[in-house]
Amino acid sequence: MSRVLLIVSGGIAAFKSLELVRLLRRDGIAVTAVLTEGGAQFVTPLSLQALTEDKVYSALWSLTDESEMGHIQLSRAADLLVVAPASANMLAKMAAGVADDLASTVLLATDKPVLVAPAMNVRMWTHPATQANMATLRARGVQAVGPEEGAMACNEYGFGRLAEPPAILAAIQALLRPAARPLAGRHVLVTSGPTHEPIDPVRYLANRSSGRQGHAIAAALSGLGARVTLVSGPVALADPPGVTVRRVETAEQMLAACIAALPTDVAVCAAAVADWRVAAASDAKLKKVPGAPPPALALVPNPDILATLATAGPARPRLVIGFAAETDDMLQHAQAKRARKGCDWIVANDVRPETGIMGGALNEVHLLTAEGIEAWPRLPKSDVAARLALRIAEAMGAMEALS
């Protein structure tokens, strides 16, 4: 059994370390925790002990532990050291080689791989000192996941949020099991987010997609070893770790980026692409004229990215997966869409406003394949992504066995 030494440093994001422990244990990875003085302001030793089912360490000068050189044993008994969250102070200590508490001493004494998940205020993250410290750590071989972009407890917005526990788990899995990743050697294309179709230089047609599901799928597939190209519309999300990202605005740009990414083994079209665009977007801002009617917008269809990728031919991915976001007769519309588009699978979900799925953190999907329909329970989008990634890995393995 693999073992992780989890170091929890100070910061409001420390509460996410509890979810990370739960995910690690569910994945069969043993966890020993080191809790810093700052981390203990946000989570308790008892909480970590209950979830790890192991002693939680915090004091460098524990007589019993140090009579056995406990900090040396801790640093070398694990297969991987993970600092989550890694505060600006902890990163600075690591870069400078400071060893003034148990956590920093363990990190200095280890000969095992180290992964950090930074979390701090956006200004602290972008400060030249922090960026220099990160550059130093990377040069020494320390791996990093995150931080992500978003709203913070300090009421600021930007990069500095701790990566979500499933993303940290994926990074841990990649380091612990580099040879056991079923999608290693596969190239997967994922589309994510909305598209913005311009009306004029300041207005556009769009939808409520956040991109969370598509980005989570890209991260999960990368965690299984795939080389992932993520074509993303405008989103307020950090790039998934280890993923090549192509940013686009419109459906036409998204199609061009998808075609440029071919050939791929798998295509997952999770983006909520606008069905229509304005036939002739204005080069200047449209003005509201008192007493005059609003301008008439002539709409034309956007290119069908899913159908294009699913078209039979030498460039067609072996597995093409679409999404069907419906507000009524979900399964009926999804089945018709699968047949009409020519894709292999459809992931269908109910996006009526009362479900909270469009733009939310949870999803409840049905997977439609040639073999039938699977109803999946309501899950965090990261868990839906992990489940779909495993199904993709299984399908690719089965295809390989038949070829």
Protein backbone atom coordinates (compact mmCIF):
# COMPACT_ATOMS: atom_id res chain seq x y z
CA MET A 1 0.00 0.00 0.00
CA SER A 2 1.30 3.45 -0.92
CA ARG A 3 1.67 5.95 1.91
CA VAL A 4 1.45 9.74 1.75
CA LEU A 5 2.76 12.07 4.42
CA LEU A 6 0.30 14.98 4.30
CA ILE A 7 1.55 18.27 5.70
CA VAL A 8 -1.26 20.72 6.47
CA SER A 9 -0.02 24.28 6.80
CA GLY A 10 -1.96 27.40 7.77
CA GLY A 11 -4.74 29.02 5.78
CA ILE A 12 -8.50 28.89 5.44
CA ALA A 13 -8.10 26.27 2.70
CA ALA A 14 -6.81 23.80 5.30
CA PHE A 15 -10.36 22.50 5.70
CA LYS A 16 -10.07 20.93 2.23
CA SER A 17 -7.30 18.69 3.53
CA LEU A 18 -9.98 16.60 5.24
CA GLU A 19 -11.68 15.88 1.92
CA LEU A 20 -8.30 15.07 0.39
CA VAL A 21 -7.64 12.51 3.13
CA ARG A 22 -11.04 10.92 2.45
CA LEU A 23 -10.29 10.63 -1.28
CA LEU A 24 -6.82 9.19 -0.65
CA ARG A 25 -8.14 6.56 1.76
CA ARG A 26 -10.92 5.63 -0.66
CA ASP A 27 -8.22 5.11 -3.30
CA GLY A 28 -6.35 2.72 -1.03
CA ILE A 29 -3.58 5.16 -0.10
CA ALA A 30 -2.52 5.32 3.56
CA VAL A 31 -2.10 8.79 5.05
CA THR A 32 -0.04 10.11 7.93
CA ALA A 33 -0.63 13.76 8.79
CA VAL A 34 1.64 16.51 10.06
CA LEU A 35 -0.30 19.53 11.27
CA THR A 36 1.49 22.87 11.61
CA GLU A 37 0.64 25.42 14.28
CA GLY A 38 -1.06 27.55 11.62
CA GLY A 39 -2.95 24.60 10.18
CA ALA A 40 -4.28 23.77 13.65
CA GLN A 41 -6.08 27.12 13.66
CA PHE A 42 -8.40 25.76 10.95
CA VAL A 43 -8.58 21.97 11.42
CA THR A 44 -8.16 19.90 14.54
CA PRO A 45 -5.78 17.00 15.15
CA LEU A 46 -8.80 14.90 16.11
CA SER A 47 -10.44 15.43 12.71
CA LEU A 48 -7.29 14.36 10.87
CA GLN A 49 -6.75 11.43 13.21
CA ALA A 50 -10.29 10.17 12.70
CA LEU A 51 -9.94 10.28 8.90
CA THR A 52 -6.37 8.98 8.63
CA GLU A 53 -6.85 6.40 11.41
CA ASP A 54 -3.30 7.24 12.41
CA LYS A 55 -1.49 9.46 14.87
CA VAL A 56 -1.26 13.13 13.89
CA TYR A 57 2.14 14.74 14.40
CA SER A 58 2.75 18.38 15.17
CA ALA A 59 5.56 18.91 17.71
CA LEU A 60 9.22 18.71 16.71
CA TRP A 61 10.30 18.35 20.32
CA SER A 62 8.12 15.39 21.26
CA LEU A 63 10.45 13.45 23.58
CA THR A 64 9.10 10.01 22.67
CA ASP A 65 9.19 10.59 18.95
CA GLU A 66 12.52 12.41 18.88
CA SER A 67 14.27 9.77 20.99
CA GLU A 68 13.75 7.64 17.89
CA MET A 69 14.58 10.50 15.49
CA GLY A 70 10.90 10.73 14.66
CA HIS A 71 11.27 13.52 12.12
CA ILE A 72 13.73 11.39 10.12
CA GLN A 73 11.43 8.38 10.22
CA LEU A 74 8.43 10.46 9.15
CA SER A 75 10.34 11.93 6.23
CA ARG A 76 11.34 8.55 4.86
CA ALA A 77 8.52 6.19 5.77
CA ALA A 78 6.17 7.69 3.17
CA ASP A 79 6.34 7.23 -0.60
CA LEU A 80 5.37 10.85 -1.23
CA LEU A 81 5.22 14.05 0.82
CA VAL A 82 2.28 16.34 0.03
CA VAL A 83 1.93 19.89 1.38
CA ALA A 84 -1.74 20.88 1.07
CA PRO A 85 -2.35 23.68 1.57
CA ALA A 86 1.13 25.07 1.05
CA SER A 87 1.12 28.59 2.46
CA ALA A 88 3.43 31.35 1.25
CA ASN A 89 5.34 30.98 4.52
CA MET A 90 5.80 27.23 4.03
CA LEU A 91 6.98 27.68 0.43
CA ALA A 92 9.47 30.30 1.62
CA LYS A 93 10.80 27.95 4.30
CA MET A 94 11.16 25.13 1.79
CA ALA A 95 13.01 27.34 -0.69
CA ALA A 96 15.37 28.73 1.98
CA GLY A 97 15.97 25.39 3.72
CA VAL A 98 14.57 26.61 7.03
CA ALA A 99 13.83 23.86 9.58
CA ASP A 100 12.22 25.52 12.60
CA ASP A 101 9.21 23.23 13.15
CA LEU A 102 8.31 19.60 12.50
CA ALA A 103 6.84 20.18 9.02
CA SER A 104 9.80 22.15 7.64
CA THR A 105 12.29 19.76 9.28
CA VAL A 106 10.59 16.75 7.74
CA LEU A 107 10.66 18.41 4.32
CA LEU A 108 14.36 19.20 4.66
CA ALA A 109 15.20 15.66 5.83
CA THR A 110 13.32 13.75 3.15
CA ASP A 111 14.71 11.92 0.15
CA LYS A 112 11.24 11.22 -1.26
CA PRO A 113 9.26 13.11 -3.93
CA VAL A 114 7.42 16.24 -2.78
CA LEU A 115 4.18 17.73 -4.13
CA VAL A 116 2.93 21.16 -3.07
CA ALA A 117 -0.56 22.60 -3.49
CA PRO A 118 -0.17 26.36 -2.93
CA ALA A 119 -2.99 28.41 -1.40
CA MET A 120 -2.85 32.07 -0.45
CA ASN A 121 -4.09 35.56 -1.27
CA VAL A 122 -3.71 36.47 -4.93
CA ARG A 123 -1.26 39.28 -4.15
CA MET A 124 0.87 36.93 -2.07
CA TRP A 125 0.87 34.37 -4.89
CA THR A 126 1.86 36.89 -7.57
CA HIS A 127 4.52 38.57 -5.38
CA PRO A 128 8.00 38.20 -6.90
CA ALA A 129 9.26 36.55 -3.71
CA THR A 130 6.69 33.76 -3.90
CA GLN A 131 7.23 33.28 -7.62
CA ALA A 132 11.00 33.09 -7.04
CA ASN A 133 10.47 30.55 -4.28
CA MET A 134 8.31 28.44 -6.58
CA ALA A 135 10.93 28.62 -9.33
CA THR A 136 13.56 27.44 -6.85
CA LEU A 137 11.42 24.53 -5.69
CA ARG A 138 10.57 23.46 -9.24
CA ALA A 139 14.26 23.53 -10.14
CA ARG A 140 14.85 21.11 -7.27
CA GLY A 141 12.21 18.73 -8.58
CA VAL A 142 9.32 19.69 -6.32
CA GLN A 143 6.02 19.14 -8.15
CA ALA A 144 3.07 21.53 -7.88
CA VAL A 145 -0.67 21.42 -8.46
CA GLY A 146 -2.59 24.70 -8.63
CA PRO A 147 -3.36 27.22 -7.40
CA GLU A 148 -6.69 27.86 -9.10
CA GLU A 149 -8.38 31.11 -9.98
CA GLY A 150 -11.51 32.21 -8.18
CA ALA A 151 -13.09 34.12 -5.32
CA MET A 152 -11.26 34.03 -2.00
CA ALA A 153 -12.19 34.30 1.64
CA CYS A 154 -10.53 37.73 1.71
CA ASN A 155 -13.08 38.97 -0.85
CA GLU A 156 -10.49 39.24 -3.61
CA TYR A 157 -10.46 37.33 -6.89
CA GLY A 158 -7.60 35.73 -8.77
CA PHE A 159 -5.11 32.90 -8.62
CA GLY A 160 -4.43 31.62 -5.14
CA ARG A 161 -7.26 29.20 -4.37
CA LEU A 162 -6.19 25.72 -3.33
CA ALA A 163 -6.66 23.19 -6.13
CA GLU A 164 -9.75 21.08 -5.55
CA PRO A 165 -9.08 17.78 -3.72
CA PRO A 166 -9.82 15.60 -6.82
CA ALA A 167 -7.17 17.53 -8.78
CA ILE A 168 -4.67 17.05 -5.95
CA LEU A 169 -5.59 13.35 -5.83
CA ALA A 170 -4.95 13.03 -9.58
CA ALA A 171 -1.52 14.64 -9.18
CA ILE A 172 -0.73 12.28 -6.30
CA GLN A 173 -1.84 9.25 -8.31
CA ALA A 174 0.33 10.30 -11.24
CA LEU A 175 3.38 10.48 -8.96
CA LEU A 176 2.69 7.27 -7.05
CA ARG A 177 1.63 5.14 -10.00
CA PRO A 178 3.40 6.39 -13.12
CA ALA A 179 3.38 2.90 -14.67
CA ALA A 180 -0.22 2.05 -13.83
CA ARG A 181 -2.07 4.67 -15.87
CA PRO A 182 -4.39 2.97 -18.32
CA LEU A 183 -4.56 5.87 -20.79
CA ALA A 184 -0.80 6.36 -21.08
CA GLY A 185 0.09 6.89 -24.73
CA ARG A 186 -3.46 8.00 -25.65
CA HIS A 187 -4.32 11.45 -26.98
CA VAL A 188 -7.69 12.78 -25.85
CA LEU A 189 -9.48 15.92 -27.03
CA VAL A 190 -11.87 17.60 -24.57
CA THR A 191 -14.02 20.67 -25.21
CA SER A 192 -15.29 22.73 -22.30
CA GLY A 193 -17.15 25.87 -21.33
CA PRO A 194 -19.48 28.11 -23.35
CA THR A 195 -18.81 29.93 -26.57
CA HIS A 196 -19.31 33.68 -26.94
CA GLU A 197 -20.80 34.73 -30.26
CA PRO A 198 -20.29 38.48 -30.80
CA ILE A 199 -23.17 40.83 -31.54
CA ASP A 200 -20.90 43.86 -31.50
CA PRO A 201 -17.54 44.62 -29.81
CA VAL A 202 -19.10 44.62 -26.32
CA ARG A 203 -22.08 42.22 -26.53
CA TYR A 204 -22.36 38.54 -27.28
CA LEU A 205 -24.68 35.52 -27.24
CA ALA A 206 -23.74 32.92 -24.64
CA ASN A 207 -25.08 30.43 -22.10
CA ARG A 208 -24.65 29.62 -18.42
CA SER A 209 -21.98 26.92 -18.73
CA SER A 210 -19.14 27.30 -16.19
CA GLY A 211 -16.82 24.75 -17.79
CA ARG A 212 -16.46 22.89 -14.49
CA GLN A 213 -17.51 19.54 -15.92
CA GLY A 214 -15.34 19.72 -19.02
CA HIS A 215 -12.29 20.89 -17.08
CA ALA A 216 -12.82 18.15 -14.49
CA ILE A 217 -12.98 15.56 -17.28
CA ALA A 218 -9.72 16.87 -18.76
CA ALA A 219 -8.03 16.64 -15.35
CA ALA A 220 -9.35 13.12 -14.71
CA LEU A 221 -8.19 11.86 -18.11
CA SER A 222 -4.76 13.41 -17.58
CA GLY A 223 -4.61 11.69 -14.20
CA LEU A 224 -5.06 8.35 -15.97
CA GLY A 225 -2.07 9.07 -18.16
CA ALA A 226 -3.67 10.53 -21.28
CA ARG A 227 -2.14 13.38 -23.25
CA VAL A 228 -5.04 15.81 -23.11
CA THR A 229 -5.77 18.75 -25.37
CA LEU A 230 -8.46 20.93 -23.79
CA VAL A 231 -10.22 23.38 -26.11
CA SER A 232 -11.95 25.82 -23.80
CA GLY A 233 -14.36 28.65 -24.30
CA PRO A 234 -14.27 31.63 -21.88
CA VAL A 235 -14.28 30.33 -18.29
CA ALA A 236 -13.11 31.55 -14.87
CA LEU A 237 -11.22 28.34 -14.10
CA ALA A 238 -7.56 27.45 -13.73
CA ASP A 239 -6.01 25.21 -16.34
CA PRO A 240 -6.07 21.55 -15.22
CA PRO A 241 -2.59 20.30 -14.31
CA GLY A 242 -0.67 18.55 -17.07
CA VAL A 243 -3.15 19.52 -19.78
CA THR A 244 -2.52 21.45 -23.01
CA VAL A 245 -5.13 24.24 -23.21
CA ARG A 246 -6.31 26.01 -26.34
CA ARG A 247 -8.48 29.03 -25.50
CA VAL A 248 -11.16 30.14 -27.94
CA GLU A 249 -14.16 32.48 -27.97
CA THR A 250 -16.51 31.34 -30.73
CA ALA A 251 -17.85 28.06 -32.08
CA GLU A 252 -15.96 28.51 -35.34
CA GLN A 253 -12.73 29.00 -33.42
CA MET A 254 -13.50 25.94 -31.29
CA LEU A 255 -14.06 23.77 -34.35
CA ALA A 256 -10.80 24.96 -35.91
CA ALA A 257 -8.90 24.19 -32.69
CA CYS A 258 -10.47 20.74 -32.48
CA ILE A 259 -9.55 19.89 -36.07
CA ALA A 260 -6.01 21.15 -35.45
CA ALA A 261 -5.73 18.80 -32.45
CA LEU A 262 -6.47 15.69 -34.52
CA PRO A 263 -5.59 12.87 -34.65
CA THR A 264 -6.84 11.78 -31.23
CA ASP A 265 -7.94 8.47 -29.78
CA VAL A 266 -10.92 9.97 -27.95
CA ALA A 267 -12.98 13.16 -28.25
CA VAL A 268 -15.16 14.33 -25.36
CA CYS A 269 -17.37 17.21 -26.46
CA ALA A 270 -18.46 18.65 -23.11
CA ALA A 271 -18.61 22.31 -24.23
CA ALA A 272 -21.97 24.05 -24.37
CA VAL A 273 -21.50 25.42 -27.88
CA ALA A 274 -23.93 28.12 -28.99
CA ASP A 275 -26.24 26.74 -31.68
CA TRP A 276 -26.46 30.08 -33.49
CA ARG A 277 -24.40 33.17 -34.14
CA VAL A 278 -25.26 36.60 -35.47
CA ALA A 279 -25.03 36.57 -39.26
CA ALA A 280 -23.17 39.87 -39.39
CA ALA A 281 -21.72 41.13 -36.11
CA SER A 282 -21.39 44.89 -35.96
CA ASP A 283 -17.90 46.42 -35.93
CA ALA A 284 -19.16 49.23 -33.72
CA LYS A 285 -21.28 49.18 -30.60
CA LEU A 286 -24.97 49.18 -31.46
CA LYS A 287 -26.63 52.28 -30.04
CA LYS A 288 -30.02 52.48 -28.39
CA VAL A 289 -31.95 55.18 -30.24
CA PRO A 290 -34.83 56.72 -28.24
CA GLY A 291 -38.17 55.81 -29.81
CA ALA A 292 -36.60 53.42 -32.33
CA PRO A 293 -37.23 49.65 -32.20
CA PRO A 294 -34.37 47.38 -31.09
CA PRO A 295 -32.14 46.10 -33.88
CA ALA A 296 -33.16 42.86 -35.54
CA LEU A 297 -30.52 40.18 -35.13
CA ALA A 298 -30.38 37.71 -37.99
CA LEU A 299 -29.06 34.37 -36.68
CA VAL A 300 -27.33 31.61 -38.63
CA PRO A 301 -26.38 28.10 -37.45
CA ASN A 302 -22.98 27.52 -35.94
CA PRO A 303 -20.85 24.60 -37.14
CA ASP A 304 -21.72 21.25 -35.51
CA ILE A 305 -18.49 20.29 -33.76
CA LEU A 306 -19.71 16.95 -32.39
CA ALA A 307 -21.13 15.79 -35.71
CA THR A 308 -17.99 16.90 -37.53
CA LEU A 309 -15.71 14.94 -35.22
CA ALA A 310 -18.00 11.90 -35.36
CA THR A 311 -18.07 11.79 -39.17
CA ALA A 312 -16.59 8.53 -40.42
CA GLY A 313 -13.14 8.81 -41.92
CA PRO A 314 -9.45 8.31 -41.17
CA ALA A 315 -9.32 11.27 -38.78
CA ARG A 316 -12.32 10.15 -36.67
CA PRO A 317 -11.39 9.42 -33.05
CA ARG A 318 -12.05 5.82 -32.07
CA LEU A 319 -14.41 6.99 -29.32
CA VAL A 320 -16.51 10.15 -29.71
CA ILE A 321 -18.57 11.31 -26.73
CA GLY A 322 -21.14 14.09 -26.73
CA PHE A 323 -23.20 15.82 -24.06
CA ALA A 324 -26.92 16.52 -24.11
CA ALA A 325 -28.11 19.25 -21.76
CA GLU A 326 -31.90 19.07 -21.77
CA THR A 327 -34.83 20.71 -19.98
CA ASP A 328 -37.52 18.22 -21.04
CA ASP A 329 -37.77 14.63 -22.31
CA MET A 330 -34.08 14.24 -21.54
CA LEU A 331 -33.55 10.60 -22.51
CA GLN A 332 -35.67 10.83 -25.65
CA HIS A 333 -33.77 13.89 -26.89
CA ALA A 334 -30.41 12.37 -25.92
CA GLN A 335 -31.10 9.14 -27.79
CA ALA A 336 -32.13 11.10 -30.86
CA LYS A 337 -29.02 13.26 -30.59
CA ARG A 338 -26.72 10.24 -30.39
CA ALA A 339 -28.23 8.81 -33.58
CA ARG A 340 -28.29 12.17 -35.37
CA LYS A 341 -24.73 13.16 -34.54
CA GLY A 342 -23.18 9.74 -35.14
CA CYS A 343 -21.28 9.74 -31.85
CA ASP A 344 -20.60 6.64 -29.76
CA TRP A 345 -21.75 7.83 -26.34
CA ILE A 346 -23.93 10.64 -25.04
CA VAL A 347 -23.79 11.99 -21.50
CA ALA A 348 -27.23 13.44 -20.77
CA ASN A 349 -28.23 15.72 -17.93
CA ASP A 350 -31.27 17.71 -16.85
CA VAL A 351 -30.35 21.41 -16.77
CA ARG A 352 -33.64 22.94 -15.72
CA PRO A 353 -32.87 25.93 -13.44
CA GLU A 354 -34.22 24.17 -10.35
CA THR A 355 -31.61 21.39 -10.67
CA GLY A 356 -28.73 23.83 -10.16
CA ILE A 357 -26.58 21.77 -12.53
CA MET A 358 -25.77 24.38 -15.19
CA GLY A 359 -22.95 26.36 -13.61
CA GLY A 360 -23.17 24.43 -10.32
CA ALA A 361 -20.79 22.05 -8.54
CA LEU A 362 -22.91 18.89 -8.85
CA ASN A 363 -24.15 16.87 -11.79
CA GLU A 364 -26.55 13.98 -12.32
CA VAL A 365 -26.10 12.23 -15.63
CA HIS A 366 -27.24 9.30 -17.74
CA LEU A 367 -24.69 7.60 -19.98
CA LEU A 368 -26.17 6.41 -23.28
CA THR A 369 -24.17 3.86 -25.27
CA ALA A 370 -24.92 1.18 -27.85
CA GLU A 371 -25.37 -1.25 -24.95
CA GLY A 372 -28.04 0.80 -23.16
CA ILE A 373 -28.57 3.56 -20.61
CA GLU A 374 -26.82 3.93 -17.25
CA ALA A 375 -28.26 6.21 -14.58
CA TRP A 376 -25.52 7.71 -12.40
CA PRO A 377 -26.31 9.25 -9.00
CA ARG A 378 -26.01 12.95 -8.27
CA LEU A 379 -22.29 13.54 -7.69
CA PRO A 380 -19.73 16.34 -7.57
CA LYS A 381 -18.63 17.10 -11.11
CA SER A 382 -15.13 15.91 -10.25
CA ASP A 383 -16.55 12.48 -9.33
CA VAL A 384 -18.60 12.35 -12.54
CA ALA A 385 -15.39 13.13 -14.43
CA ALA A 386 -13.42 10.42 -12.63
CA ARG A 387 -16.14 7.86 -13.34
CA LEU A 388 -16.34 8.82 -17.01
CA ALA A 389 -12.54 8.73 -17.36
CA LEU A 390 -12.46 5.19 -16.00
CA ARG A 391 -15.20 4.12 -18.42
CA ILE A 392 -13.20 5.61 -21.28
CA ALA A 393 -10.10 3.72 -20.14
CA GLU A 394 -12.10 0.47 -20.02
CA ALA A 395 -13.51 1.06 -23.49
CA MET A 396 -10.12 1.83 -24.98
CA GLY A 397 -8.69 -1.29 -23.37
CA ALA A 398 -11.49 -3.39 -24.83
CA MET A 399 -10.94 -1.87 -28.30
CA GLU A 400 -7.23 -2.64 -28.05
CA ALA A 401 -7.96 -6.25 -27.14
CA LEU A 402 -10.20 -6.64 -30.20
CA SER A 403 -7.81 -5.00 -32.68
